[in-house]
């Protein structure tokens, strides 16, 4: 695994938790494929949090571009980043 800054790890964890951010987006930005993201999450999160995250993303169509409905055109909810 490549060396990542704390900020990068924090952003990857945030992106991994987001429902609409596909694993391919993380790979494009940070070079980590889905299995590397899973390893990073396992290492970074508490065991209970990791289990909750895995249950949440397993089978979630928005986390994989190939399974995603074409109507989902953005990576986040408009209310996610409030100003």
PDB file of N, CA and C in Angstrom:
ATOM      1  N   UNK A   1       0.851  -1.178   0.000  1.00  0.00           N
ATOM      2  CA  UNK A   1       0.000   0.000   0.000  1.00  0.00           C
ATOM      3  C   UNK A   1       0.892   1.234   0.000  1.00  0.00           C
ATOM      4  N   UNK A   2       0.481   2.241  -0.734  1.00  0.00           N
ATOM      5  CA  UNK A   2       1.258   3.470  -0.801  1.00  0.00           C
ATOM      6  C   UNK A   2       1.164   4.244   0.501  1.00  0.00           C
ATOM      7  N   UNK A   3       2.104   5.161   0.709  1.00  0.00           N
ATOM      8  CA  UNK A   3       2.093   5.978   1.912  1.00  0.00           C
ATOM      9  C   UNK A   3       1.123   7.139   1.701  1.00  0.00           C
ATOM     10  N   UNK A   4       0.178   7.255   2.597  1.00  0.00           N
ATOM     11  CA  UNK A   4      -0.852   8.288   2.518  1.00  0.00           C
ATOM     12  C   UNK A   4      -0.746   9.209   3.721  1.00  0.00           C
ATOM     13  N   UNK A   5      -1.023  10.486   3.519  1.00  0.00           N
ATOM     14  CA  UNK A   5      -1.036  11.427   4.638  1.00  0.00           C
ATOM     15  C   UNK A   5      -2.284  11.181   5.484  1.00  0.00           C
ATOM     16  N   UNK A   6      -2.291  11.749   6.687  1.00  0.00           N
ATOM     17  CA  UNK A   6      -3.465  11.617   7.554  1.00  0.00           C
ATOM     18  C   UNK A   6      -4.687  12.223   6.889  1.00  0.00           C
ATOM     19  N   UNK A   7      -4.484  13.338   6.184  1.00  0.00           N
ATOM     20  CA  UNK A   7      -5.590  14.001   5.486  1.00  0.00           C
ATOM     21  C   UNK A   7      -6.148  13.101   4.390  1.00  0.00           C
ATOM     22  N   UNK A   8      -5.252  12.425   3.645  1.00  0.00           N
ATOM     23  CA  UNK A   8      -5.698  11.513   2.594  1.00  0.00           C
ATOM     24  C   UNK A   8      -6.491  10.352   3.180  1.00  0.00           C
ATOM     25  N   UNK A   9      -5.986   9.762   4.255  1.00  0.00           N
ATOM     26  CA  UNK A   9      -6.685   8.641   4.898  1.00  0.00           C
ATOM     27  C   UNK A   9      -8.048   9.097   5.388  1.00  0.00           C
ATOM     28  N   UNK A  10      -8.107  10.267   6.002  1.00  0.00           N
ATOM     29  CA  UNK A  10      -9.380  10.794   6.493  1.00  0.00           C
ATOM     30  C   UNK A  10     -10.366  10.991   5.342  1.00  0.00           C
ATOM     31  N   UNK A  11      -9.896  11.540   4.231  1.00  0.00           N
ATOM     32  CA  UNK A  11     -10.780  11.770   3.081  1.00  0.00           C
ATOM     33  C   UNK A  11     -11.220  10.446   2.454  1.00  0.00           C
ATOM     34  N   UNK A  12     -10.338   9.472   2.381  1.00  0.00           N
ATOM     35  CA  UNK A  12     -10.701   8.163   1.829  1.00  0.00           C
ATOM     36  C   UNK A  12     -11.768   7.502   2.694  1.00  0.00           C
ATOM     37  N   UNK A  13     -11.606   7.566   4.018  1.00  0.00           N
ATOM     38  CA  UNK A  13     -12.604   6.995   4.932  1.00  0.00           C
ATOM     39  C   UNK A  13     -13.942   7.697   4.732  1.00  0.00           C
ATOM     40  N   UNK A  14     -13.904   9.019   4.623  1.00  0.00           N
ATOM     41  CA  UNK A  14     -15.134   9.783   4.398  1.00  0.00           C
ATOM     42  C   UNK A  14     -15.801   9.376   3.084  1.00  0.00           C
ATOM     43  N   UNK A  15     -15.006   9.268   2.026  1.00  0.00           N
ATOM     44  CA  UNK A  15     -15.544   8.881   0.717  1.00  0.00           C
ATOM     45  C   UNK A  15     -16.103   7.459   0.754  1.00  0.00           C
ATOM     46  N   UNK A  16     -15.433   6.570   1.483  1.00  0.00           N
ATOM     47  CA  UNK A  16     -15.887   5.180   1.572  1.00  0.00           C
ATOM     48  C   UNK A  16     -17.233   5.092   2.289  1.00  0.00           C
ATOM     49  N   UNK A  17     -17.474   5.955   3.280  1.00  0.00           N
ATOM     50  CA  UNK A  17     -18.745   5.960   3.997  1.00  0.00           C
ATOM     51  C   UNK A  17     -19.861   6.566   3.170  1.00  0.00           C
ATOM     52  N   UNK A  18     -19.539   7.480   2.260  1.00  0.00           N
ATOM     53  CA  UNK A  18     -20.565   8.145   1.461  1.00  0.00           C
ATOM     54  C   UNK A  18     -21.242   7.148   0.522  1.00  0.00           C
ATOM     55  N   UNK A  19     -22.551   7.145   0.524  1.00  0.00           N
ATOM     56  CA  UNK A  19     -23.312   6.195  -0.285  1.00  0.00           C
ATOM     57  C   UNK A  19     -23.102   6.401  -1.781  1.00  0.00           C
ATOM     58  N   UNK A  20     -22.999   7.628  -2.213  1.00  0.00           N
ATOM     59  CA  UNK A  20     -22.955   7.908  -3.648  1.00  0.00           C
ATOM     60  C   UNK A  20     -21.552   7.973  -4.224  1.00  0.00           C
ATOM     61  N   UNK A  21     -20.528   7.826  -3.427  1.00  0.00           N
ATOM     62  CA  UNK A  21     -19.161   7.866  -3.936  1.00  0.00           C
ATOM     63  C   UNK A  21     -18.724   6.455  -4.297  1.00  0.00           C
ATOM     64  N   UNK A  22     -18.546   6.169  -5.579  1.00  0.00           N
ATOM     65  CA  UNK A  22     -18.163   4.812  -5.979  1.00  0.00           C
ATOM     66  C   UNK A  22     -16.691   4.525  -5.661  1.00  0.00           C
ATOM     67  N   UNK A  23     -16.379   3.258  -5.516  1.00  0.00           N
ATOM     68  CA  UNK A  23     -15.002   2.852  -5.274  1.00  0.00           C
ATOM     69  C   UNK A  23     -14.092   3.313  -6.415  1.00  0.00           C
ATOM     70  N   UNK A  24     -14.624   3.397  -7.614  1.00  0.00           N
ATOM     71  CA  UNK A  24     -13.833   3.825  -8.770  1.00  0.00           C
ATOM     72  C   UNK A  24     -13.360   5.274  -8.620  1.00  0.00           C
ATOM     73  N   UNK A  25     -14.153   6.111  -7.939  1.00  0.00           N
ATOM     74  CA  UNK A  25     -13.741   7.497  -7.697  1.00  0.00           C
ATOM     75  C   UNK A  25     -12.549   7.536  -6.744  1.00  0.00           C
ATOM     76  N   UNK A  26     -12.576   6.693  -5.734  1.00  0.00           N
ATOM     77  CA  UNK A  26     -11.458   6.618  -4.788  1.00  0.00           C
ATOM     78  C   UNK A  26     -10.213   6.111  -5.513  1.00  0.00           C
ATOM     79  N   UNK A  27     -10.403   5.115  -6.369  1.00  0.00           N
ATOM     80  CA  UNK A  27      -9.273   4.584  -7.126  1.00  0.00           C
ATOM     81  C   UNK A  27      -8.695   5.649  -8.056  1.00  0.00           C
ATOM     82  N   UNK A  28      -9.557   6.418  -8.689  1.00  0.00           N
ATOM     83  CA  UNK A  28      -9.090   7.465  -9.590  1.00  0.00           C
ATOM     84  C   UNK A  28      -8.304   8.554  -8.876  1.00  0.00           C
ATOM     85  N   UNK A  29      -8.719   8.900  -7.667  1.00  0.00           N
ATOM     86  CA  UNK A  29      -8.051   9.972  -6.917  1.00  0.00           C
ATOM     87  C   UNK A  29      -6.829   9.502  -6.146  1.00  0.00           C
ATOM     88  N   UNK A  30      -6.915   8.304  -5.562  1.00  0.00           N
ATOM     89  CA  UNK A  30      -5.866   7.858  -4.653  1.00  0.00           C
ATOM     90  C   UNK A  30      -5.152   6.580  -5.099  1.00  0.00           C
ATOM     91  N   UNK A  31      -5.616   5.959  -6.169  1.00  0.00           N
ATOM     92  CA  UNK A  31      -4.957   4.750  -6.669  1.00  0.00           C
ATOM     93  C   UNK A  31      -5.248   3.500  -5.855  1.00  0.00           C
ATOM     94  N   UNK A  32      -6.275   3.532  -5.019  1.00  0.00           N
ATOM     95  CA  UNK A  32      -6.635   2.369  -4.197  1.00  0.00           C
ATOM     96  C   UNK A  32      -7.868   1.697  -4.775  1.00  0.00           C
ATOM     97  N   UNK A  33      -7.746   0.422  -5.134  1.00  0.00           N
ATOM     98  CA  UNK A  33      -8.920  -0.288  -5.626  1.00  0.00           C
ATOM     99  C   UNK A  33      -9.794  -0.699  -4.437  1.00  0.00           C
ATOM    100  N   UNK A  34     -10.900  -1.348  -4.729  1.00  0.00           N
ATOM    101  CA  UNK A  34     -11.858  -1.696  -3.673  1.00  0.00           C
ATOM    102  C   UNK A  34     -11.220  -2.532  -2.566  1.00  0.00           C
ATOM    103  N   UNK A  35     -10.425  -3.515  -2.921  1.00  0.00           N
ATOM    104  CA  UNK A  35      -9.815  -4.361  -1.884  1.00  0.00           C
ATOM    105  C   UNK A  35      -8.835  -3.570  -1.022  1.00  0.00           C
ATOM    106  N   UNK A  36      -8.125  -2.600  -1.607  1.00  0.00           N
ATOM    107  CA  UNK A  36      -7.212  -1.762  -0.821  1.00  0.00           C
ATOM    108  C   UNK A  36      -7.995  -0.839   0.105  1.00  0.00           C
ATOM    109  N   UNK A  37      -9.142  -0.350  -0.357  1.00  0.00           N
ATOM    110  CA  UNK A  37      -9.996   0.493   0.492  1.00  0.00           C
ATOM    111  C   UNK A  37     -10.514  -0.335   1.663  1.00  0.00           C
ATOM    112  N   UNK A  38     -10.911  -1.560   1.413  1.00  0.00           N
ATOM    113  CA  UNK A  38     -11.396  -2.443   2.484  1.00  0.00           C
ATOM    114  C   UNK A  38     -10.287  -2.665   3.512  1.00  0.00           C
ATOM    115  N   UNK A  39      -9.065  -2.915   3.048  1.00  0.00           N
ATOM    116  CA  UNK A  39      -7.935  -3.112   3.970  1.00  0.00           C
ATOM    117  C   UNK A  39      -7.675  -1.848   4.786  1.00  0.00           C
ATOM    118  N   UNK A  40      -7.733  -0.696   4.132  1.00  0.00           N
ATOM    119  CA  UNK A  40      -7.519   0.573   4.828  1.00  0.00           C
ATOM    120  C   UNK A  40      -8.607   0.798   5.879  1.00  0.00           C
ATOM    121  N   UNK A  41      -9.847   0.524   5.512  1.00  0.00           N
ATOM    122  CA  UNK A  41     -10.954   0.697   6.454  1.00  0.00           C
ATOM    123  C   UNK A  41     -10.807  -0.262   7.631  1.00  0.00           C
ATOM    124  N   UNK A  42     -10.404  -1.500   7.372  1.00  0.00           N
ATOM    125  CA  UNK A  42     -10.226  -2.482   8.448  1.00  0.00           C
ATOM    126  C   UNK A  42      -9.148  -2.000   9.415  1.00  0.00           C
ATOM    127  N   UNK A  43      -8.078  -1.418   8.868  1.00  0.00           N
ATOM    128  CA  UNK A  43      -6.961  -0.954   9.683  1.00  0.00           C
ATOM    129  C   UNK A  43      -7.310   0.329  10.442  1.00  0.00           C
ATOM    130  N   UNK A  44      -8.128   1.181   9.853  1.00  0.00           N
ATOM    131  CA  UNK A  44      -8.398   2.505  10.398  1.00  0.00           C
ATOM    132  C   UNK A  44      -9.561   2.526  11.387  1.00  0.00           C
ATOM    133  N   UNK A  45     -10.622   1.794  11.087  1.00  0.00           N
ATOM    134  CA  UNK A  45     -11.830   1.830  11.917  1.00  0.00           C
ATOM    135  C   UNK A  45     -11.755   0.842  13.073  1.00  0.00           C
ATOM    136  N   UNK A  46     -12.543   1.103  14.098  1.00  0.00           N
ATOM    137  CA  UNK A  46     -12.729   0.117  15.157  1.00  0.00           C
ATOM    138  C   UNK A  46     -13.442  -1.073  14.535  1.00  0.00           C
ATOM    139  N   UNK A  47     -13.319  -2.246  15.128  1.00  0.00           N
ATOM    140  CA  UNK A  47     -13.879  -3.458  14.530  1.00  0.00           C
ATOM    141  C   UNK A  47     -15.392  -3.357  14.335  1.00  0.00           C
ATOM    142  N   UNK A  48     -16.105  -2.797  15.300  1.00  0.00           N
ATOM    143  CA  UNK A  48     -17.558  -2.656  15.166  1.00  0.00           C
ATOM    144  C   UNK A  48     -17.934  -1.691  14.048  1.00  0.00           C
ATOM    145  N   UNK A  49     -17.191  -0.599  13.945  1.00  0.00           N
ATOM    146  CA  UNK A  49     -17.441   0.372  12.872  1.00  0.00           C
ATOM    147  C   UNK A  49     -17.145  -0.257  11.514  1.00  0.00           C
ATOM    148  N   UNK A  50     -16.088  -1.047  11.446  1.00  0.00           N
ATOM    149  CA  UNK A  50     -15.760  -1.708  10.183  1.00  0.00           C
ATOM    150  C   UNK A  50     -16.886  -2.661   9.777  1.00  0.00           C
ATOM    151  N   UNK A  51     -17.399  -3.440  10.718  1.00  0.00           N
ATOM    152  CA  UNK A  51     -18.490  -4.367  10.410  1.00  0.00           C
ATOM    153  C   UNK A  51     -19.731  -3.615   9.927  1.00  0.00           C
ATOM    154  N   UNK A  52     -20.058  -2.497  10.581  1.00  0.00           N
ATOM    155  CA  UNK A  52     -21.197  -1.677  10.143  1.00  0.00           C
ATOM    156  C   UNK A  52     -20.978  -1.143   8.731  1.00  0.00           C
ATOM    157  N   UNK A  53     -19.767  -0.669   8.453  1.00  0.00           N
ATOM    158  CA  UNK A  53     -19.457  -0.140   7.123  1.00  0.00           C
ATOM    159  C   UNK A  53     -19.568  -1.235   6.064  1.00  0.00           C
ATOM    160  N   UNK A  54     -19.019  -2.412   6.346  1.00  0.00           N
ATOM    161  CA  UNK A  54     -19.072  -3.516   5.377  1.00  0.00           C
ATOM    162  C   UNK A  54     -20.517  -3.921   5.108  1.00  0.00           C
ATOM    163  N   UNK A  55     -21.322  -3.972   6.145  1.00  0.00           N
ATOM    164  CA  UNK A  55     -22.737  -4.317   5.959  1.00  0.00           C
ATOM    165  C   UNK A  55     -23.427  -3.246   5.126  1.00  0.00           C
ATOM    166  N   UNK A  56     -23.030  -1.996   5.318  1.00  0.00           N
ATOM    167  CA  UNK A  56     -23.656  -0.887   4.602  1.00  0.00           C
ATOM    168  C   UNK A  56     -23.299  -0.898   3.122  1.00  0.00           C
ATOM    169  N   UNK A  57     -22.040  -1.145   2.775  1.00  0.00           N
ATOM    170  CA  UNK A  57     -21.621  -1.033   1.374  1.00  0.00           C
ATOM    171  C   UNK A  57     -21.773  -2.334   0.585  1.00  0.00           C
ATOM    172  N   UNK A  58     -21.900  -3.451   1.262  1.00  0.00           N
ATOM    173  CA  UNK A  58     -22.037  -4.720   0.554  1.00  0.00           C
ATOM    174  C   UNK A  58     -23.339  -4.746  -0.230  1.00  0.00           C
ATOM    175  N   UNK A  59     -23.223  -4.877  -1.517  1.00  0.00           N
ATOM    176  CA  UNK A  59     -24.392  -4.943  -2.385  1.00  0.00           C
ATOM    177  C   UNK A  59     -25.002  -3.597  -2.727  1.00  0.00           C
ATOM    178  N   UNK A  60     -24.418  -2.514  -2.236  1.00  0.00           N
ATOM    179  CA  UNK A  60     -24.961  -1.174  -2.514  1.00  0.00           C
ATOM    180  C   UNK A  60     -24.600  -0.784  -3.945  1.00  0.00           C
ATOM    181  N   UNK A  61     -25.604  -0.605  -4.764  1.00  0.00           N
ATOM    182  CA  UNK A  61     -25.386  -0.356  -6.188  1.00  0.00           C
ATOM    183  C   UNK A  61     -24.663   0.952  -6.463  1.00  0.00           C
ATOM    184  N   UNK A  62     -24.834   1.947  -5.610  1.00  0.00           N
ATOM    185  CA  UNK A  62     -24.197   3.240  -5.870  1.00  0.00           C
ATOM    186  C   UNK A  62     -22.697   3.224  -5.599  1.00  0.00           C
ATOM    187  N   UNK A  63     -22.181   2.177  -4.967  1.00  0.00           N
ATOM    188  CA  UNK A  63     -20.752   2.102  -4.690  1.00  0.00           C
ATOM    189  C   UNK A  63     -19.965   1.511  -5.861  1.00  0.00           C
ATOM    190  N   UNK A  64     -20.654   1.061  -6.897  1.00  0.00           N
ATOM    191  CA  UNK A  64     -19.992   0.471  -8.067  1.00  0.00           C
ATOM    192  C   UNK A  64     -20.567   1.091  -9.329  1.00  0.00           C
ATOM    193  N   UNK A  65     -19.719   1.685 -10.134  1.00  0.00           N
ATOM    194  CA  UNK A  65     -20.203   2.353 -11.344  1.00  0.00           C
ATOM    195  C   UNK A  65     -20.949   1.411 -12.278  1.00  0.00           C
ATOM    196  N   UNK A  66     -20.517   0.142 -12.381  1.00  0.00           N
ATOM    197  CA  UNK A  66     -21.168  -0.795 -13.289  1.00  0.00           C
ATOM    198  C   UNK A  66     -22.595  -1.118 -12.853  1.00  0.00           C
ATOM    199  N   UNK A  67     -22.859  -1.067 -11.563  1.00  0.00           N
ATOM    200  CA  UNK A  67     -24.190  -1.402 -11.041  1.00  0.00           C
ATOM    201  C   UNK A  67     -25.078  -0.180 -10.874  1.00  0.00           C
ATOM    202  N   UNK A  68     -24.489   0.985 -10.961  1.00  0.00           N
ATOM    203  CA  UNK A  68     -25.184   2.238 -10.683  1.00  0.00           C
ATOM    204  C   UNK A  68     -26.220   2.576 -11.743  1.00  0.00           C
ATOM    205  N   UNK A  69     -27.351   3.050 -11.289  1.00  0.00           N
ATOM    206  CA  UNK A  69     -28.401   3.531 -12.188  1.00  0.00           C
ATOM    207  C   UNK A  69     -27.882   4.771 -12.916  1.00  0.00           C
ATOM    208  N   UNK A  70     -28.048   4.864 -14.219  1.00  0.00           N
ATOM    209  CA  UNK A  70     -27.566   6.033 -14.961  1.00  0.00           C
ATOM    210  C   UNK A  70     -28.167   7.357 -14.473  1.00  0.00           C
ATOM    211  N   UNK A  71     -29.294   7.308 -13.782  1.00  0.00           N
ATOM    212  CA  UNK A  71     -29.915   8.520 -13.262  1.00  0.00           C
ATOM    213  C   UNK A  71     -29.117   9.138 -12.110  1.00  0.00           C
ATOM    214  N   UNK A  72     -28.239   8.345 -11.477  1.00  0.00           N
ATOM    215  CA  UNK A  72     -27.396   8.858 -10.399  1.00  0.00           C
ATOM    216  C   UNK A  72     -26.193   9.500 -11.049  1.00  0.00           C
ATOM    217  N   UNK A  73     -26.244  10.835 -11.138  1.00  0.00           N
ATOM    218  CA  UNK A  73     -25.195  11.535 -11.880  1.00  0.00           C
ATOM    219  C   UNK A  73     -24.199  12.267 -11.000  1.00  0.00           C
ATOM    220  N   UNK A  74     -24.451  12.344  -9.703  1.00  0.00           N
ATOM    221  CA  UNK A  74     -23.513  13.046  -8.843  1.00  0.00           C
ATOM    222  C   UNK A  74     -23.046  12.116  -7.728  1.00  0.00           C
ATOM    223  N   UNK A  75     -21.935  12.489  -7.110  1.00  0.00           N
ATOM    224  CA  UNK A  75     -21.331  11.625  -6.110  1.00  0.00           C
ATOM    225  C   UNK A  75     -21.787  11.916  -4.690  1.00  0.00           C
ATOM    226  N   UNK A  76     -22.564  12.973  -4.498  1.00  0.00           N
ATOM    227  CA  UNK A  76     -23.013  13.282  -3.146  1.00  0.00           C
ATOM    228  C   UNK A  76     -24.382  13.944  -3.165  1.00  0.00           C
ATOM    229  N   UNK A  77     -25.013  13.922  -2.037  1.00  0.00           N
ATOM    230  CA  UNK A  77     -26.331  14.550  -1.890  1.00  0.00           C
ATOM    231  C   UNK A  77     -26.151  16.074  -1.845  1.00  0.00           C
ATOM    232  N   UNK A  78     -27.032  16.848  -2.486  1.00  0.00           N
ATOM    233  CA  UNK A  78     -26.884  18.303  -2.489  1.00  0.00           C
ATOM    234  C   UNK A  78     -26.852  18.920  -1.077  1.00  0.00           C
ATOM    235  N   UNK A  79     -27.469  18.283  -0.109  1.00  0.00           N
ATOM    236  CA  UNK A  79     -27.485  18.838   1.248  1.00  0.00           C
ATOM    237  C   UNK A  79     -26.311  18.353   2.093  1.00  0.00           C
ATOM    238  N   UNK A  80     -25.445  17.528   1.526  1.00  0.00           N
ATOM    239  CA  UNK A  80     -24.340  16.964   2.288  1.00  0.00           C
ATOM    240  C   UNK A  80     -23.340  18.038   2.727  1.00  0.00           C
ATOM    241  N   UNK A  81     -23.004  18.947   1.850  1.00  0.00           N
ATOM    242  CA  UNK A  81     -22.039  19.988   2.165  1.00  0.00           C
ATOM    243  C   UNK A  81     -22.776  21.314   2.309  1.00  0.00           C
ATOM    244  N   UNK A  82     -23.265  21.565   3.496  1.00  0.00           N
ATOM    245  CA  UNK A  82     -24.049  22.764   3.756  1.00  0.00           C
ATOM    246  C   UNK A  82     -23.120  23.962   3.899  1.00  0.00           C
ATOM    247  N   UNK A  83     -23.588  25.081   3.422  1.00  0.00           N
ATOM    248  CA  UNK A  83     -22.775  26.308   3.517  1.00  0.00           C
ATOM    249  C   UNK A  83     -23.483  27.340   4.328  1.00  0.00           C
TER     250      UNK A  83
END
